[in-house]
Amino acid sequence: MRQEATTLGPVTRHAGLGALLSLFVVHPVTMVIYWFELHPHPWQLSTALAYAFDRLAGSFELPMLPMSATFIVLGSVVGAGTGLYARALAGRTRQVRWLETELERGLSALLRAGEGERLELKTSARWDDRKGAGNRQLELVVARTVAGFLNAAGGTLLIGVDDDGSVVGLESDYHTLQSKGRDGFERFLIGLVAHRLGTDACALVHVVFHEVEGKDVCRVIVDPSPVPVFLSDGNRSHYYLRTGNATRELDVAEALRHVAQR
């Protein structure tokens, strides 16, 4: 609830400021323009201003209340619009700063740090070495990890890296794709996010590739989501959260509490 109040604050403030400006600035200026249309004599500005302030004082009288209310409503609408724009711009600025901060962390530093609350390592997103074939369940594991980061404080998923931090590359995954290589793998990841987590989540997922000793590593940087994100699996929706160095599914009661606290 605290976050909701903070988020709506700029819109409310802009709407209130817009109403005040409309009533006490736009209204008098409109009256001056109206007066000059009836009395086109520039040297009578003082008379026009007196007329405008007289009309402003009279705007609180009963016969003028509808016009005053119109100015207030119009100002509030315009102010709310600027507030929504300011809120969106602030959110975008936070997103860019978050991405810049994540990119400043070098790949070698991430590999040395190992898995944690904001870092997950995956050997593969599609190829199962034990089966010697593609495994769609691995895709679901990747989607769960992304969902966990989205519902927490964000994080980074490295694909093509073993649990001990050694680079294994993405060649096996590439061979399972119709369009092989980095471009095909990125399209696969974004399609997976859109299918499992919704298209809105795609804007919060950034894919970067690194080459280490001739092997590709995919770095998936996940921004924290401003709204809860659910993973679709068949006819069911699941809520995942990154806690510590693991991603776990919350039951209904836990999910409701977490969503209420966001």
Protein backbone atom coordinates (compact mmCIF):
# COMPACT_ATOMS: atom_id res chain seq x y z
CA MET A 1 0.00 0.00 0.00
CA ARG A 2 2.89 2.30 0.72
CA GLN A 3 4.27 1.77 -2.77
CA GLU A 4 0.85 2.46 -4.32
CA ALA A 5 0.56 5.77 -2.48
CA THR A 6 4.03 6.76 -3.65
CA THR A 7 3.25 5.79 -7.24
CA LEU A 8 -0.01 7.74 -7.39
CA GLY A 9 1.49 10.78 -5.65
CA PRO A 10 2.85 12.57 -8.75
CA VAL A 11 -0.46 12.20 -10.59
CA THR A 12 -2.42 13.62 -7.66
CA ARG A 13 0.00 16.50 -7.19
CA HIS A 14 0.00 17.38 -10.88
CA ALA A 15 -3.80 17.23 -11.00
CA GLY A 16 -4.10 19.57 -8.00
CA LEU A 17 -1.51 21.99 -9.38
CA GLY A 18 -3.23 21.93 -12.77
CA ALA A 19 -6.56 22.81 -11.17
CA LEU A 20 -5.02 25.76 -9.28
CA LEU A 21 -3.18 27.09 -12.33
CA SER A 22 -6.27 26.77 -14.47
CA LEU A 23 -8.45 28.65 -11.99
CA PHE A 24 -6.01 31.37 -10.90
CA VAL A 25 -3.91 31.81 -14.06
CA VAL A 26 -5.67 30.49 -17.14
CA HIS A 27 -9.03 31.89 -16.06
CA PRO A 28 -7.78 35.50 -15.58
CA VAL A 29 -5.72 35.35 -18.80
CA THR A 30 -8.79 34.15 -20.66
CA MET A 31 -10.76 37.05 -19.23
CA VAL A 32 -8.08 39.52 -20.41
CA ILE A 33 -8.14 38.07 -23.91
CA TYR A 34 -11.93 38.20 -23.90
CA TRP A 35 -11.85 41.85 -22.76
CA PHE A 36 -9.40 42.83 -25.51
CA GLU A 37 -11.65 41.22 -28.12
CA LEU A 38 -14.44 43.56 -27.00
CA HIS A 39 -12.18 46.57 -26.35
CA PRO A 40 -9.17 46.41 -28.73
CA HIS A 41 -7.12 49.18 -27.13
CA PRO A 42 -3.69 48.04 -25.83
CA TRP A 43 -3.26 51.18 -23.70
CA GLN A 44 -6.18 50.09 -21.53
CA LEU A 45 -4.29 47.12 -20.06
CA SER A 46 -4.90 48.25 -16.48
CA THR A 47 -8.63 48.31 -17.14
CA ALA A 48 -8.45 44.84 -18.66
CA LEU A 49 -6.55 43.50 -15.65
CA ALA A 50 -9.04 45.07 -13.29
CA TYR A 51 -11.80 43.41 -15.27
CA ALA A 52 -10.01 40.04 -15.13
CA PHE A 53 -9.49 40.16 -11.36
CA ASP A 54 -13.05 41.30 -10.87
CA ARG A 55 -14.25 38.26 -12.83
CA LEU A 56 -11.87 36.05 -10.85
CA ALA A 57 -13.30 37.31 -7.58
CA GLY A 58 -16.77 36.73 -8.95
CA SER A 59 -15.92 33.19 -10.02
CA PHE A 60 -16.74 31.97 -6.52
CA GLU A 61 -20.22 33.40 -6.65
CA LEU A 62 -23.08 31.02 -7.32
CA PRO A 63 -23.84 32.07 -10.95
CA MET A 64 -20.17 31.62 -11.93
CA LEU A 65 -19.58 28.28 -10.21
CA PRO A 66 -20.22 26.17 -13.37
CA MET A 67 -17.55 28.10 -15.31
CA SER A 68 -15.12 27.88 -12.40
CA ALA A 69 -15.78 24.16 -12.11
CA THR A 70 -15.08 23.79 -15.83
CA PHE A 71 -11.67 25.46 -15.46
CA ILE A 72 -10.88 23.29 -12.44
CA VAL A 73 -11.84 20.07 -14.22
CA LEU A 74 -9.89 20.96 -17.37
CA GLY A 75 -6.84 21.90 -15.31
CA SER A 76 -7.06 18.68 -13.31
CA VAL A 77 -7.27 16.57 -16.46
CA VAL A 78 -4.28 18.28 -18.07
CA GLY A 79 -2.35 18.10 -14.79
CA ALA A 80 -3.13 14.41 -14.37
CA GLY A 81 -1.89 13.80 -17.91
CA THR A 82 1.43 15.49 -17.17
CA GLY A 83 1.61 13.53 -13.91
CA LEU A 84 1.15 10.23 -15.75
CA TYR A 85 3.86 11.24 -18.21
CA ALA A 86 6.21 12.23 -15.37
CA ARG A 87 5.55 8.92 -13.63
CA ALA A 88 6.25 6.94 -16.79
CA LEU A 89 9.43 8.96 -17.44
CA ALA A 90 10.63 8.38 -13.88
CA GLY A 91 9.99 4.66 -14.24
CA ARG A 92 11.89 4.54 -17.51
CA THR A 93 14.77 6.46 -15.94
CA ARG A 94 14.94 3.98 -13.06
CA GLN A 95 14.92 1.12 -15.56
CA VAL A 96 17.80 2.61 -17.54
CA ARG A 97 19.83 3.25 -14.38
CA TRP A 98 19.19 -0.33 -13.22
CA LEU A 99 20.37 -1.69 -16.57
CA GLU A 100 23.47 0.51 -16.53
CA THR A 101 24.29 -0.68 -13.01
CA GLU A 102 23.92 -4.32 -14.03
CA LEU A 103 26.05 -3.89 -17.15
CA GLU A 104 28.81 -2.31 -15.09
CA ARG A 105 29.22 -5.65 -13.34
CA GLY A 106 31.71 -7.51 -15.52
CA LEU A 107 31.06 -11.11 -16.53
CA SER A 108 34.21 -12.34 -14.82
CA ALA A 109 33.09 -10.72 -11.56
CA LEU A 110 29.70 -12.42 -11.85
CA LEU A 111 31.30 -15.80 -12.45
CA ARG A 112 33.56 -15.37 -9.43
CA ALA A 113 30.64 -14.33 -7.23
CA GLY A 114 28.61 -17.46 -7.95
CA GLU A 115 24.88 -17.91 -7.51
CA GLY A 116 23.07 -15.64 -5.11
CA GLU A 117 19.91 -13.62 -4.62
CA ARG A 118 20.48 -11.72 -7.87
CA LEU A 119 22.43 -14.25 -9.93
CA GLU A 120 21.47 -17.64 -11.35
CA LEU A 121 23.64 -19.93 -13.50
CA LYS A 122 22.20 -22.35 -16.06
CA THR A 123 24.15 -24.76 -18.22
CA SER A 124 21.45 -24.85 -20.87
CA ALA A 125 17.98 -23.57 -21.72
CA ARG A 126 16.99 -26.42 -24.06
CA TRP A 127 19.63 -29.15 -24.41
CA ASP A 128 19.71 -31.93 -21.81
CA ASP A 129 23.16 -33.58 -21.66
CA ARG A 130 21.87 -36.52 -19.64
CA LYS A 131 19.23 -37.35 -22.24
CA GLY A 132 21.34 -36.30 -25.18
CA ALA A 133 18.35 -34.45 -26.61
CA GLY A 134 16.28 -31.30 -26.23
CA ASN A 135 14.19 -31.00 -23.08
CA ARG A 136 11.30 -28.51 -22.91
CA GLN A 137 11.30 -28.73 -19.11
CA LEU A 138 14.55 -26.77 -19.12
CA GLU A 139 12.71 -23.91 -20.82
CA LEU A 140 10.21 -23.94 -17.97
CA VAL A 141 13.05 -23.73 -15.44
CA VAL A 142 14.42 -20.65 -17.23
CA ALA A 143 10.96 -19.05 -17.24
CA ARG A 144 10.60 -19.73 -13.51
CA THR A 145 13.93 -18.06 -12.80
CA VAL A 146 12.98 -14.97 -14.80
CA ALA A 147 9.60 -14.83 -13.03
CA GLY A 148 11.34 -15.05 -9.64
CA PHE A 149 13.60 -12.12 -10.49
CA LEU A 150 10.67 -10.08 -11.85
CA ASN A 151 8.73 -10.52 -8.61
CA ALA A 152 11.75 -9.74 -6.44
CA ALA A 153 14.50 -7.14 -6.84
CA GLY A 154 15.53 -8.19 -10.33
CA GLY A 155 18.68 -10.10 -11.21
CA THR A 156 20.84 -11.75 -13.83
CA LEU A 157 20.56 -15.18 -15.40
CA LEU A 158 23.66 -16.57 -17.13
CA ILE A 159 22.99 -19.37 -19.61
CA GLY A 160 25.90 -21.48 -20.84
CA VAL A 161 27.64 -21.58 -17.47
CA ASP A 162 27.96 -24.55 -15.14
CA ASP A 163 27.16 -24.36 -11.44
CA ASP A 164 30.85 -24.06 -10.59
CA GLY A 165 31.21 -21.03 -12.86
CA SER A 166 32.93 -22.79 -15.75
CA VAL A 167 31.78 -21.74 -19.22
CA VAL A 168 30.26 -24.51 -21.35
CA GLY A 169 28.80 -22.32 -24.09
CA LEU A 170 25.55 -22.38 -26.03
CA GLU A 171 26.43 -24.55 -29.03
CA SER A 172 24.20 -27.40 -27.88
CA ASP A 173 21.26 -25.03 -27.43
CA TYR A 174 21.92 -23.42 -30.80
CA HIS A 175 21.57 -26.78 -32.53
CA THR A 176 18.05 -27.25 -31.13
CA LEU A 177 16.83 -24.04 -32.75
CA GLN A 178 15.50 -23.59 -36.24
CA SER A 179 17.36 -20.27 -36.46
CA LYS A 180 20.77 -21.01 -34.98
CA GLY A 181 23.14 -18.55 -33.38
CA ARG A 182 22.72 -15.56 -31.11
CA ASP A 183 19.79 -13.98 -32.94
CA GLY A 184 17.80 -17.20 -32.91
CA PHE A 185 18.56 -17.80 -29.25
CA GLU A 186 17.48 -14.28 -28.29
CA ARG A 187 14.22 -14.68 -30.22
CA PHE A 188 13.66 -17.98 -28.45
CA LEU A 189 14.15 -16.38 -25.02
CA ILE A 190 11.89 -13.41 -25.70
CA GLY A 191 9.25 -15.73 -27.14
CA LEU A 192 9.50 -17.92 -24.05
CA VAL A 193 9.00 -14.91 -21.77
CA ALA A 194 6.04 -13.67 -23.82
CA HIS A 195 4.41 -17.11 -23.84
CA ARG A 196 4.96 -17.99 -20.20
CA LEU A 197 4.99 -14.59 -18.45
CA GLY A 198 3.11 -12.26 -20.81
CA THR A 199 4.21 -9.75 -23.41
CA ASP A 200 4.43 -6.94 -20.83
CA ALA A 201 7.29 -8.78 -19.13
CA CYS A 202 9.37 -8.72 -22.33
CA ALA A 203 10.15 -5.01 -21.83
CA LEU A 204 11.81 -5.90 -18.50
CA VAL A 205 14.09 -8.59 -19.93
CA HIS A 206 17.36 -7.63 -21.65
CA VAL A 207 19.56 -10.12 -23.49
CA VAL A 208 23.30 -9.63 -23.89
CA PHE A 209 25.87 -12.08 -25.25
CA HIS A 210 29.48 -12.49 -24.16
CA GLU A 211 32.24 -14.58 -25.70
CA VAL A 212 34.57 -16.39 -23.32
CA GLU A 213 37.35 -18.54 -24.77
CA GLY A 214 35.43 -18.88 -28.01
CA LYS A 215 32.21 -19.90 -26.29
CA ASP A 216 29.02 -17.86 -26.09
CA VAL A 217 27.39 -16.99 -22.79
CA CYS A 218 23.91 -15.44 -22.72
CA ARG A 219 23.37 -12.83 -20.04
CA VAL A 220 19.71 -12.20 -19.27
CA ILE A 221 19.26 -9.05 -17.17
CA VAL A 222 15.84 -8.92 -15.53
CA ASP A 223 14.40 -5.69 -14.16
CA PRO A 224 12.12 -5.82 -11.10
CA SER A 225 8.50 -5.69 -12.22
CA PRO A 226 6.21 -2.93 -10.88
CA VAL A 227 3.32 -5.42 -10.91
CA PRO A 228 3.07 -9.11 -9.96
CA VAL A 229 4.03 -11.54 -12.73
CA PHE A 230 2.51 -15.02 -12.95
CA LEU A 231 3.88 -17.94 -14.92
CA SER A 232 1.41 -19.72 -17.16
CA ASP A 233 1.73 -23.51 -17.26
CA GLY A 234 -1.18 -25.17 -19.01
CA ASN A 235 -4.41 -24.10 -17.35
CA ARG A 236 -2.68 -22.94 -14.16
CA SER A 237 -0.84 -19.80 -13.11
CA HIS A 238 2.08 -19.90 -10.69
CA TYR A 239 3.74 -17.20 -8.62
CA TYR A 240 7.51 -17.48 -8.22
CA LEU A 241 9.85 -15.41 -6.08
CA ARG A 242 13.62 -15.24 -5.86
CA THR A 243 14.68 -15.76 -2.24
CA GLY A 244 18.34 -16.20 -1.41
CA ASN A 245 20.01 -18.26 -4.14
CA ALA A 246 16.85 -20.16 -5.10
CA THR A 247 13.59 -19.54 -6.91
CA ARG A 248 10.57 -20.97 -5.19
CA GLU A 249 6.86 -21.08 -5.85
CA LEU A 250 4.60 -19.40 -3.32
CA ASP A 251 1.29 -20.93 -2.34
CA VAL A 252 -1.88 -18.87 -2.60
CA ALA A 253 -1.67 -17.38 0.90
CA GLU A 254 2.02 -16.51 0.53
CA ALA A 255 1.46 -15.01 -2.91
CA LEU A 256 -1.40 -12.83 -1.67
CA ARG A 257 0.71 -11.55 1.24
CA HIS A 258 3.65 -10.80 -1.02
CA VAL A 259 1.52 -9.01 -3.61
CA ALA A 260 -0.09 -6.91 -0.83
CA GLN A 261 3.37 -5.90 0.47
CA ARG A 262 4.78 -4.90 -2.94
